[in-house]
Amino acid sequence: FASPIIVRSPVSTYILPQEILTYTPPSQWVRRKFNNGEVLRQIFMNQPLEDFELELIEEMKRECEKEGVQIPEGLSHTLLRVISYNFRKYKQKFAHKSLE
């Protein structure tokens, strides 16, 4: 999950500028703190995950295994978005709600 893009060969000038592939956003852009004190991740791709985020993902995987649900490979990169939304709303039942 969320490892940085590693460029090992020259990128075609017709794809993306090199700066986009190597850009690291400021931490306040990755997570935003709101007036109510809530901190939400705003950028999910190519950014390291916090320990608590990795724990949420593992809990979600355990719930999926318990329910006999396999997370499609193509959705693995968006899993944290779904978890984050449901964790804010449902806390203790976030994994179950994420499966609905």
PDB file of N, CA and C in Angstrom:
ATOM      1  N   PHE A   1       0.815  -1.201   0.000  1.00  0.00           N
ATOM      2  CA  PHE A   1       0.000   0.000   0.000  1.00  0.00           C
ATOM      3  C   PHE A   1       0.851   1.254   0.000  1.00  0.00           C
ATOM      4  N   ALA A   2       0.459   2.214  -0.763  1.00  0.00           N
ATOM      5  CA  ALA A   2       0.957   3.587  -0.719  1.00  0.00           C
ATOM      6  C   ALA A   2       2.462   3.730  -0.722  1.00  0.00           C
ATOM      7  N   SER A   3       3.138   2.998  -1.575  1.00  0.00           N
ATOM      8  CA  SER A   3       4.568   3.223  -1.697  1.00  0.00           C
ATOM      9  C   SER A   3       4.794   4.277  -2.777  1.00  0.00           C
ATOM     10  N   PRO A   4       5.880   5.032  -2.665  1.00  0.00           N
ATOM     11  CA  PRO A   4       6.121   6.071  -3.660  1.00  0.00           C
ATOM     12  C   PRO A   4       6.420   5.465  -5.025  1.00  0.00           C
ATOM     13  N   ILE A   5       6.194   6.247  -6.053  1.00  0.00           N
ATOM     14  CA  ILE A   5       6.510   5.803  -7.410  1.00  0.00           C
ATOM     15  C   ILE A   5       8.021   5.826  -7.564  1.00  0.00           C
ATOM     16  N   ILE A   6       8.586   4.729  -8.020  1.00  0.00           N
ATOM     17  CA  ILE A   6      10.025   4.654  -8.242  1.00  0.00           C
ATOM     18  C   ILE A   6      10.249   4.606  -9.750  1.00  0.00           C
ATOM     19  N   VAL A   7      10.922   5.615 -10.254  1.00  0.00           N
ATOM     20  CA  VAL A   7      11.177   5.714 -11.686  1.00  0.00           C
ATOM     21  C   VAL A   7      12.561   5.138 -11.948  1.00  0.00           C
ATOM     22  N   ARG A   8      12.612   4.057 -12.732  1.00  0.00           N
ATOM     23  CA  ARG A   8      13.881   3.371 -12.985  1.00  0.00           C
ATOM     24  C   ARG A   8      14.400   3.603 -14.401  1.00  0.00           C
ATOM     25  N   SER A   9      13.590   4.197 -15.236  1.00  0.00           N
ATOM     26  CA  SER A   9      14.033   4.480 -16.603  1.00  0.00           C
ATOM     27  C   SER A   9      13.429   5.806 -17.034  1.00  0.00           C
ATOM     28  N   PRO A  10      13.993   6.430 -18.036  1.00  0.00           N
ATOM     29  CA  PRO A  10      13.471   7.726 -18.467  1.00  0.00           C
ATOM     30  C   PRO A  10      11.991   7.635 -18.850  1.00  0.00           C
ATOM     31  N   VAL A  11      11.256   8.652 -18.481  1.00  0.00           N
ATOM     32  CA  VAL A  11       9.831   8.711 -18.788  1.00  0.00           C
ATOM     33  C   VAL A  11       9.665   9.509 -20.081  1.00  0.00           C
ATOM     34  N   SER A  12       8.826   9.018 -20.955  1.00  0.00           N
ATOM     35  CA  SER A  12       8.565   9.713 -22.204  1.00  0.00           C
ATOM     36  C   SER A  12       8.071  11.132 -21.928  1.00  0.00           C
ATOM     37  N   THR A  13       8.503  12.071 -22.712  1.00  0.00           N
ATOM     38  CA  THR A  13       8.070  13.469 -22.536  1.00  0.00           C
ATOM     39  C   THR A  13       6.589  13.629 -22.836  1.00  0.00           C
ATOM     40  N   TYR A  14       5.978  12.612 -23.426  1.00  0.00           N
ATOM     41  CA  TYR A  14       4.557  12.691 -23.754  1.00  0.00           C
ATOM     42  C   TYR A  14       3.664  12.133 -22.649  1.00  0.00           C
ATOM     43  N   ILE A  15       4.244  11.634 -21.589  1.00  0.00           N
ATOM     44  CA  ILE A  15       3.451  11.052 -20.505  1.00  0.00           C
ATOM     45  C   ILE A  15       3.197  12.086 -19.421  1.00  0.00           C
ATOM     46  N   LEU A  16       4.137  12.301 -18.542  1.00  0.00           N
ATOM     47  CA  LEU A  16       4.012  13.260 -17.443  1.00  0.00           C
ATOM     48  C   LEU A  16       5.370  13.905 -17.195  1.00  0.00           C
ATOM     49  N   PRO A  17       5.354  15.137 -16.768  1.00  0.00           N
ATOM     50  CA  PRO A  17       6.640  15.740 -16.388  1.00  0.00           C
ATOM     51  C   PRO A  17       7.244  14.991 -15.202  1.00  0.00           C
ATOM     52  N   GLN A  18       8.552  14.893 -15.168  1.00  0.00           N
ATOM     53  CA  GLN A  18       9.268  14.202 -14.090  1.00  0.00           C
ATOM     54  C   GLN A  18       8.880  14.757 -12.717  1.00  0.00           C
ATOM     55  N   GLU A  19       8.628  16.062 -12.649  1.00  0.00           N
ATOM     56  CA  GLU A  19       8.290  16.706 -11.375  1.00  0.00           C
ATOM     57  C   GLU A  19       7.026  16.121 -10.758  1.00  0.00           C
ATOM     58  N   ILE A  20       6.085  15.726 -11.586  1.00  0.00           N
ATOM     59  CA  ILE A  20       4.837  15.151 -11.068  1.00  0.00           C
ATOM     60  C   ILE A  20       5.109  13.792 -10.429  1.00  0.00           C
ATOM     61  N   LEU A  21       5.963  13.004 -11.044  1.00  0.00           N
ATOM     62  CA  LEU A  21       6.252  11.675 -10.522  1.00  0.00           C
ATOM     63  C   LEU A  21       7.073  11.711  -9.244  1.00  0.00           C
ATOM     64  N   THR A  22       7.849  12.754  -9.044  1.00  0.00           N
ATOM     65  CA  THR A  22       8.727  12.818  -7.876  1.00  0.00           C
ATOM     66  C   THR A  22       8.252  13.825  -6.834  1.00  0.00           C
ATOM     67  N   TYR A  23       7.107  14.449  -7.055  1.00  0.00           N
ATOM     68  CA  TYR A  23       6.602  15.476  -6.145  1.00  0.00           C
ATOM     69  C   TYR A  23       6.166  14.876  -4.810  1.00  0.00           C
ATOM     70  N   THR A  24       6.545  15.528  -3.746  1.00  0.00           N
ATOM     71  CA  THR A  24       6.100  15.146  -2.411  1.00  0.00           C
ATOM     72  C   THR A  24       5.303  16.307  -1.838  1.00  0.00           C
ATOM     73  N   PRO A  25       4.005  16.119  -1.619  1.00  0.00           N
ATOM     74  CA  PRO A  25       3.185  17.218  -1.105  1.00  0.00           C
ATOM     75  C   PRO A  25       3.526  17.517   0.357  1.00  0.00           C
ATOM     76  N   PRO A  26       3.295  18.765   0.783  1.00  0.00           N
ATOM     77  CA  PRO A  26       3.504  19.094   2.200  1.00  0.00           C
ATOM     78  C   PRO A  26       2.567  18.260   3.078  1.00  0.00           C
ATOM     79  N   SER A  27       3.007  17.959   4.291  1.00  0.00           N
ATOM     80  CA  SER A  27       2.219  17.092   5.183  1.00  0.00           C
ATOM     81  C   SER A  27       0.835  17.664   5.458  1.00  0.00           C
ATOM     82  N   GLN A  28       0.697  18.995   5.498  1.00  0.00           N
ATOM     83  CA  GLN A  28      -0.631  19.574   5.753  1.00  0.00           C
ATOM     84  C   GLN A  28      -1.578  19.361   4.574  1.00  0.00           C
ATOM     85  N   TRP A  29      -1.056  18.992   3.414  1.00  0.00           N
ATOM     86  CA  TRP A  29      -1.920  18.659   2.288  1.00  0.00           C
ATOM     87  C   TRP A  29      -2.353  17.201   2.348  1.00  0.00           C
ATOM     88  N   VAL A  30      -1.487  16.358   2.907  1.00  0.00           N
ATOM     89  CA  VAL A  30      -1.807  14.936   3.008  1.00  0.00           C
ATOM     90  C   VAL A  30      -2.921  14.729   4.026  1.00  0.00           C
ATOM     91  N   ARG A  31      -2.794  15.397   5.161  1.00  0.00           N
ATOM     92  CA  ARG A  31      -3.821  15.336   6.217  1.00  0.00           C
ATOM     93  C   ARG A  31      -4.219  16.752   6.569  1.00  0.00           C
ATOM     94  N   ARG A  32      -5.507  16.970   6.678  1.00  0.00           N
ATOM     95  CA  ARG A  32      -6.024  18.307   6.985  1.00  0.00           C
ATOM     96  C   ARG A  32      -6.723  18.286   8.335  1.00  0.00           C
ATOM     97  N   LYS A  33      -6.386  19.255   9.161  1.00  0.00           N
ATOM     98  CA  LYS A  33      -7.030  19.377  10.465  1.00  0.00           C
ATOM     99  C   LYS A  33      -8.135  20.416  10.370  1.00  0.00           C
ATOM    100  N   PHE A  34      -9.326  20.012  10.791  1.00  0.00           N
ATOM    101  CA  PHE A  34     -10.484  20.892  10.729  1.00  0.00           C
ATOM    102  C   PHE A  34     -10.684  21.605  12.062  1.00  0.00           C
ATOM    103  N   ASN A  35     -11.532  22.616  12.059  1.00  0.00           N
ATOM    104  CA  ASN A  35     -11.781  23.416  13.261  1.00  0.00           C
ATOM    105  C   ASN A  35     -12.296  22.590  14.427  1.00  0.00           C
ATOM    106  N   ASN A  36     -12.992  21.504  14.146  1.00  0.00           N
ATOM    107  CA  ASN A  36     -13.515  20.653  15.220  1.00  0.00           C
ATOM    108  C   ASN A  36     -12.457  19.688  15.768  1.00  0.00           C
ATOM    109  N   GLY A  37     -11.228  19.793  15.260  1.00  0.00           N
ATOM    110  CA  GLY A  37     -10.131  18.948  15.729  1.00  0.00           C
ATOM    111  C   GLY A  37      -9.937  17.670  14.939  1.00  0.00           C
ATOM    112  N   GLU A  38     -10.901  17.335  14.094  1.00  0.00           N
ATOM    113  CA  GLU A  38     -10.808  16.109  13.296  1.00  0.00           C
ATOM    114  C   GLU A  38      -9.726  16.262  12.229  1.00  0.00           C
ATOM    115  N   VAL A  39      -8.927  15.227  12.079  1.00  0.00           N
ATOM    116  CA  VAL A  39      -7.873  15.210  11.067  1.00  0.00           C
ATOM    117  C   VAL A  39      -8.244  14.164  10.029  1.00  0.00           C
ATOM    118  N   LEU A  40      -8.310  14.577   8.778  1.00  0.00           N
ATOM    119  CA  LEU A  40      -8.681  13.663   7.696  1.00  0.00           C
ATOM    120  C   LEU A  40      -7.572  13.594   6.659  1.00  0.00           C
ATOM    121  N   ARG A  41      -7.314  12.383   6.192  1.00  0.00           N
ATOM    122  CA  ARG A  41      -6.360  12.209   5.102  1.00  0.00           C
ATOM    123  C   ARG A  41      -7.009  12.740   3.825  1.00  0.00           C
ATOM    124  N   GLN A  42      -6.280  13.559   3.104  1.00  0.00           N
ATOM    125  CA  GLN A  42      -6.770  14.135   1.861  1.00  0.00           C
ATOM    126  C   GLN A  42      -6.108  13.505   0.631  1.00  0.00           C
ATOM    127  N   ILE A  43      -4.885  13.048   0.791  1.00  0.00           N
ATOM    128  CA  ILE A  43      -4.150  12.419  -0.314  1.00  0.00           C
ATOM    129  C   ILE A  43      -3.855  10.983   0.094  1.00  0.00           C
ATOM    130  N   PHE A  44      -4.330  10.036  -0.715  1.00  0.00           N
ATOM    131  CA  PHE A  44      -4.209   8.622  -0.372  1.00  0.00           C
ATOM    132  C   PHE A  44      -3.127   7.909  -1.179  1.00  0.00           C
ATOM    133  N   MET A  45      -2.887   8.349  -2.379  1.00  0.00           N
ATOM    134  CA  MET A  45      -1.982   7.634  -3.273  1.00  0.00           C
ATOM    135  C   MET A  45      -0.536   8.073  -3.079  1.00  0.00           C
ATOM    136  N   ASN A  46       0.366   7.090  -3.118  1.00  0.00           N
ATOM    137  CA  ASN A  46       1.808   7.325  -3.095  1.00  0.00           C
ATOM    138  C   ASN A  46       2.277   8.096  -1.880  1.00  0.00           C
ATOM    139  N   GLN A  47       1.603   7.893  -0.756  1.00  0.00           N
ATOM    140  CA  GLN A  47       1.999   8.505   0.507  1.00  0.00           C
ATOM    141  C   GLN A  47       2.088   7.414   1.560  1.00  0.00           C
ATOM    142  N   PRO A  48       3.093   7.473   2.421  1.00  0.00           N
ATOM    143  CA  PRO A  48       3.214   6.446   3.465  1.00  0.00           C
ATOM    144  C   PRO A  48       1.994   6.434   4.376  1.00  0.00           C
ATOM    145  N   LEU A  49       1.624   5.259   4.828  1.00  0.00           N
ATOM    146  CA  LEU A  49       0.490   5.128   5.731  1.00  0.00           C
ATOM    147  C   LEU A  49       0.963   5.183   7.176  1.00  0.00           C
ATOM    148  N   GLU A  50       0.103   5.725   8.024  1.00  0.00           N
ATOM    149  CA  GLU A  50       0.371   5.766   9.456  1.00  0.00           C
ATOM    150  C   GLU A  50       0.100   4.375  10.040  1.00  0.00           C
ATOM    151  N   ASP A  51       0.675   4.104  11.204  1.00  0.00           N
ATOM    152  CA  ASP A  51       0.467   2.804  11.852  1.00  0.00           C
ATOM    153  C   ASP A  51      -1.013   2.517  12.085  1.00  0.00           C
ATOM    154  N   PHE A  52      -1.765   3.519  12.542  1.00  0.00           N
ATOM    155  CA  PHE A  52      -3.186   3.279  12.817  1.00  0.00           C
ATOM    156  C   PHE A  52      -3.954   2.983  11.535  1.00  0.00           C
ATOM    157  N   GLU A  53      -3.519   3.549  10.397  1.00  0.00           N
ATOM    158  CA  GLU A  53      -4.170   3.257   9.116  1.00  0.00           C
ATOM    159  C   GLU A  53      -3.892   1.817   8.704  1.00  0.00           C
ATOM    160  N   LEU A  54      -2.671   1.364   8.910  1.00  0.00           N
ATOM    161  CA  LEU A  54      -2.329  -0.024   8.607  1.00  0.00           C
ATOM    162  C   LEU A  54      -3.132  -0.980   9.486  1.00  0.00           C
ATOM    163  N   GLU A  55      -3.341  -0.603  10.750  1.00  0.00           N
ATOM    164  CA  GLU A  55      -4.160  -1.428  11.652  1.00  0.00           C
ATOM    165  C   GLU A  55      -5.608  -1.490  11.181  1.00  0.00           C
ATOM    166  N   LEU A  56      -6.149  -0.360  10.707  1.00  0.00           N
ATOM    167  CA  LEU A  56      -7.522  -0.355  10.191  1.00  0.00           C
ATOM    168  C   LEU A  56      -7.644  -1.265   8.975  1.00  0.00           C
ATOM    169  N   ILE A  57      -6.660  -1.223   8.111  1.00  0.00           N
ATOM    170  CA  ILE A  57      -6.671  -2.065   6.913  1.00  0.00           C
ATOM    171  C   ILE A  57      -6.624  -3.540   7.312  1.00  0.00           C
ATOM    172  N   GLU A  58      -5.777  -3.879   8.276  1.00  0.00           N
ATOM    173  CA  GLU A  58      -5.694  -5.274   8.732  1.00  0.00           C
ATOM    174  C   GLU A  58      -7.007  -5.724   9.355  1.00  0.00           C
ATOM    175  N   GLU A  59      -7.638  -4.849  10.133  1.00  0.00           N
ATOM    176  CA  GLU A  59      -8.935  -5.206  10.718  1.00  0.00           C
ATOM    177  C   GLU A  59      -9.979  -5.425   9.630  1.00  0.00           C
ATOM    178  N   MET A  60      -9.941  -4.589   8.610  1.00  0.00           N
ATOM    179  CA  MET A  60     -10.875  -4.733   7.489  1.00  0.00           C
ATOM    180  C   MET A  60     -10.636  -6.062   6.772  1.00  0.00           C
ATOM    181  N   LYS A  61      -9.381  -6.415   6.573  1.00  0.00           N
ATOM    182  CA  LYS A  61      -9.066  -7.687   5.918  1.00  0.00           C
ATOM    183  C   LYS A  61      -9.562  -8.877   6.744  1.00  0.00           C
ATOM    184  N   ARG A  62      -9.412  -8.782   8.072  1.00  0.00           N
ATOM    185  CA  ARG A  62      -9.911  -9.861   8.940  1.00  0.00           C
ATOM    186  C   ARG A  62     -11.431  -9.988   8.833  1.00  0.00           C
ATOM    187  N   GLU A  63     -12.118  -8.851   8.811  1.00  0.00           N
ATOM    188  CA  GLU A  63     -13.584  -8.864   8.678  1.00  0.00           C
ATOM    189  C   GLU A  63     -13.992  -9.478   7.338  1.00  0.00           C
ATOM    190  N   CYS A  64     -13.270  -9.111   6.282  1.00  0.00           N
ATOM    191  CA  CYS A  64     -13.570  -9.681   4.961  1.00  0.00           C
ATOM    192  C   CYS A  64     -13.369 -11.185   4.968  1.00  0.00           C
ATOM    193  N   GLU A  65     -12.282 -11.625   5.576  1.00  0.00           N
ATOM    194  CA  GLU A  65     -12.010 -13.064   5.643  1.00  0.00           C
ATOM    195  C   GLU A  65     -13.106 -13.787   6.426  1.00  0.00           C
ATOM    196  N   LYS A  66     -13.518 -13.187   7.546  1.00  0.00           N
ATOM    197  CA  LYS A  66     -14.578 -13.760   8.376  1.00  0.00           C
ATOM    198  C   LYS A  66     -15.886 -13.888   7.594  1.00  0.00           C
ATOM    199  N   GLU A  67     -16.173 -12.904   6.749  1.00  0.00           N
ATOM    200  CA  GLU A  67     -17.416 -12.885   5.968  1.00  0.00           C
ATOM    201  C   GLU A  67     -17.287 -13.597   4.627  1.00  0.00           C
ATOM    202  N   GLY A  68     -16.084 -14.110   4.327  1.00  0.00           N
ATOM    203  CA  GLY A  68     -15.874 -14.800   3.058  1.00  0.00           C
ATOM    204  C   GLY A  68     -15.845 -13.871   1.858  1.00  0.00           C
ATOM    205  N   VAL A  69     -15.435 -12.630   2.086  1.00  0.00           N
ATOM    206  CA  VAL A  69     -15.376 -11.629   1.025  1.00  0.00           C
ATOM    207  C   VAL A  69     -13.918 -11.393   0.657  1.00  0.00           C
ATOM    208  N   GLN A  70     -13.625 -11.432  -0.635  1.00  0.00           N
ATOM    209  CA  GLN A  70     -12.271 -11.141  -1.090  1.00  0.00           C
ATOM    210  C   GLN A  70     -12.244  -9.740  -1.679  1.00  0.00           C
ATOM    211  N   ILE A  71     -11.279  -8.946  -1.269  1.00  0.00           N
ATOM    212  CA  ILE A  71     -11.140  -7.587  -1.791  1.00  0.00           C
ATOM    213  C   ILE A  71     -10.536  -7.698  -3.185  1.00  0.00           C
ATOM    214  N   PRO A  72     -11.250  -7.224  -4.202  1.00  0.00           N
ATOM    215  CA  PRO A  72     -10.696  -7.284  -5.559  1.00  0.00           C
ATOM    216  C   PRO A  72      -9.388  -6.512  -5.643  1.00  0.00           C
ATOM    217  N   GLU A  73      -8.428  -7.065  -6.339  1.00  0.00           N
ATOM    218  CA  GLU A  73      -7.098  -6.456  -6.462  1.00  0.00           C
ATOM    219  C   GLU A  73      -7.174  -4.998  -6.906  1.00  0.00           C
ATOM    220  N   GLY A  74      -8.057  -4.700  -7.820  1.00  0.00           N
ATOM    221  CA  GLY A  74      -8.170  -3.335  -8.341  1.00  0.00           C
ATOM    222  C   GLY A  74      -8.685  -2.323  -7.330  1.00  0.00           C
ATOM    223  N   LEU A  75      -9.257  -2.797  -6.229  1.00  0.00           N
ATOM    224  CA  LEU A  75      -9.789  -1.884  -5.221  1.00  0.00           C
ATOM    225  C   LEU A  75      -8.858  -1.675  -4.041  1.00  0.00           C
ATOM    226  N   SER A  76      -7.755  -2.383  -4.007  1.00  0.00           N
ATOM    227  CA  SER A  76      -6.886  -2.304  -2.836  1.00  0.00           C
ATOM    228  C   SER A  76      -6.385  -0.889  -2.582  1.00  0.00           C
ATOM    229  N   HIS A  77      -6.146  -0.117  -3.632  1.00  0.00           N
ATOM    230  CA  HIS A  77      -5.635   1.248  -3.435  1.00  0.00           C
ATOM    231  C   HIS A  77      -6.705   2.211  -2.922  1.00  0.00           C
ATOM    232  N   THR A  78      -7.970   1.853  -3.056  1.00  0.00           N
ATOM    233  CA  THR A  78      -9.042   2.732  -2.560  1.00  0.00           C
ATOM    234  C   THR A  78      -9.610   2.244  -1.232  1.00  0.00           C
ATOM    235  N   LEU A  79      -9.098   1.138  -0.741  1.00  0.00           N
ATOM    236  CA  LEU A  79      -9.620   0.556   0.491  1.00  0.00           C
ATOM    237  C   LEU A  79      -9.552   1.538   1.662  1.00  0.00           C
ATOM    238  N   LEU A  80      -8.452   2.248   1.802  1.00  0.00           N
ATOM    239  CA  LEU A  80      -8.327   3.173   2.924  1.00  0.00           C
ATOM    240  C   LEU A  80      -9.343   4.303   2.836  1.00  0.00           C
ATOM    241  N   ARG A  81      -9.700   4.728   1.643  1.00  0.00           N
ATOM    242  CA  ARG A  81     -10.740   5.763   1.508  1.00  0.00           C
ATOM    243  C   ARG A  81     -12.075   5.272   2.081  1.00  0.00           C
ATOM    244  N   VAL A  82     -12.446   4.064   1.726  1.00  0.00           N
ATOM    245  CA  VAL A  82     -13.706   3.483   2.210  1.00  0.00           C
ATOM    246  C   VAL A  82     -13.652   3.317   3.723  1.00  0.00           C
ATOM    247  N   ILE A  83     -12.551   2.783   4.210  1.00  0.00           N
ATOM    248  CA  ILE A  83     -12.386   2.578   5.643  1.00  0.00           C
ATOM    249  C   ILE A  83     -12.444   3.911   6.380  1.00  0.00           C
ATOM    250  N   SER A  84     -11.748   4.915   5.895  1.00  0.00           N
ATOM    251  CA  SER A  84     -11.706   6.220   6.563  1.00  0.00           C
ATOM    252  C   SER A  84     -13.099   6.818   6.696  1.00  0.00           C
ATOM    253  N   TYR A  85     -13.865   6.742   5.620  1.00  0.00           N
ATOM    254  CA  TYR A  85     -15.226   7.281   5.641  1.00  0.00           C
ATOM    255  C   TYR A  85     -16.072   6.567   6.697  1.00  0.00           C
ATOM    256  N   ASN A  86     -16.054   5.249   6.650  1.00  0.00           N
ATOM    257  CA  ASN A  86     -16.884   4.475   7.576  1.00  0.00           C
ATOM    258  C   ASN A  86     -16.368   4.521   9.010  1.00  0.00           C
ATOM    259  N   PHE A  87     -15.066   4.648   9.194  1.00  0.00           N
ATOM    260  CA  PHE A  87     -14.519   4.742  10.549  1.00  0.00           C
ATOM    261  C   PHE A  87     -14.994   6.028  11.221  1.00  0.00           C
ATOM    262  N   ARG A  88     -15.040   7.122  10.472  1.00  0.00           N
ATOM    263  CA  ARG A  88     -15.528   8.389  11.031  1.00  0.00           C
ATOM    264  C   ARG A  88     -16.993   8.288  11.421  1.00  0.00           C
ATOM    265  N   LYS A  89     -17.779   7.580  10.622  1.00  0.00           N
ATOM    266  CA  LYS A  89     -19.222   7.496  10.883  1.00  0.00           C
ATOM    267  C   LYS A  89     -19.588   6.443  11.918  1.00  0.00           C
ATOM    268  N   TYR A  90     -18.918   5.288  11.875  1.00  0.00           N
ATOM    269  CA  TYR A  90     -19.385   4.140  12.652  1.00  0.00           C
ATOM    270  C   TYR A  90     -18.398   3.621  13.696  1.00  0.00           C
ATOM    271  N   LYS A  91     -17.200   4.116  13.747  1.00  0.00           N
ATOM    272  CA  LYS A  91     -16.139   3.716  14.686  1.00  0.00           C
ATOM    273  C   LYS A  91     -16.034   2.205  14.877  1.00  0.00           C
ATOM    274  N   GLN A  92     -16.774   1.644  15.827  1.00  0.00           N
ATOM    275  CA  GLN A  92     -16.619   0.238  16.191  1.00  0.00           C
ATOM    276  C   GLN A  92     -17.089  -0.732  15.116  1.00  0.00           C
ATOM    277  N   LYS A  93     -17.995  -0.304  14.248  1.00  0.00           N
ATOM    278  CA  LYS A  93     -18.538  -1.198  13.223  1.00  0.00           C
ATOM    279  C   LYS A  93     -18.066  -0.818  11.826  1.00  0.00           C
ATOM    280  N   PHE A  94     -16.957  -0.079  11.733  1.00  0.00           N
ATOM    281  CA  PHE A  94     -16.531   0.435  10.430  1.00  0.00           C
ATOM    282  C   PHE A  94     -16.258  -0.674   9.416  1.00  0.00           C
ATOM    283  N   ALA A  95     -15.647  -1.768   9.848  1.00  0.00           N
ATOM    284  CA  ALA A  95     -15.319  -2.842   8.915  1.00  0.00           C
ATOM    285  C   ALA A  95     -16.589  -3.486   8.361  1.00  0.00           C
ATOM    286  N   HIS A  96     -17.544  -3.760   9.239  1.00  0.00           N
ATOM    287  CA  HIS A  96     -18.810  -4.353   8.798  1.00  0.00           C
ATOM    288  C   HIS A  96     -19.542  -3.402   7.863  1.00  0.00           C
ATOM    289  N   LYS A  97     -19.605  -2.121   8.214  1.00  0.00           N
ATOM    290  CA  LYS A  97     -20.301  -1.137   7.376  1.00  0.00           C
ATOM    291  C   LYS A  97     -19.617  -0.975   6.029  1.00  0.00           C
ATOM    292  N   SER A  98     -18.289  -1.129   6.004  1.00  0.00           N
ATOM    293  CA  SER A  98     -17.551  -1.003   4.739  1.00  0.00           C
ATOM    294  C   SER A  98     -17.887  -2.124   3.778  1.00  0.00           C
ATOM    295  N   LEU A  99     -18.363  -3.229   4.290  1.00  0.00           N
ATOM    296  CA  LEU A  99     -18.741  -4.361   3.432  1.00  0.00           C
ATOM    297  C   LEU A  99     -20.139  -4.227   2.859  1.00  0.00           C
ATOM    298  N   GLU A 100     -20.948  -3.356   3.439  1.00  0.00           N
ATOM    299  CA  GLU A 100     -22.329  -3.232   2.977  1.00  0.00           C
ATOM    300  C   GLU A 100     -22.406  -2.584   1.606  1.00  0.00           C
TER     301      GLU A 100
END
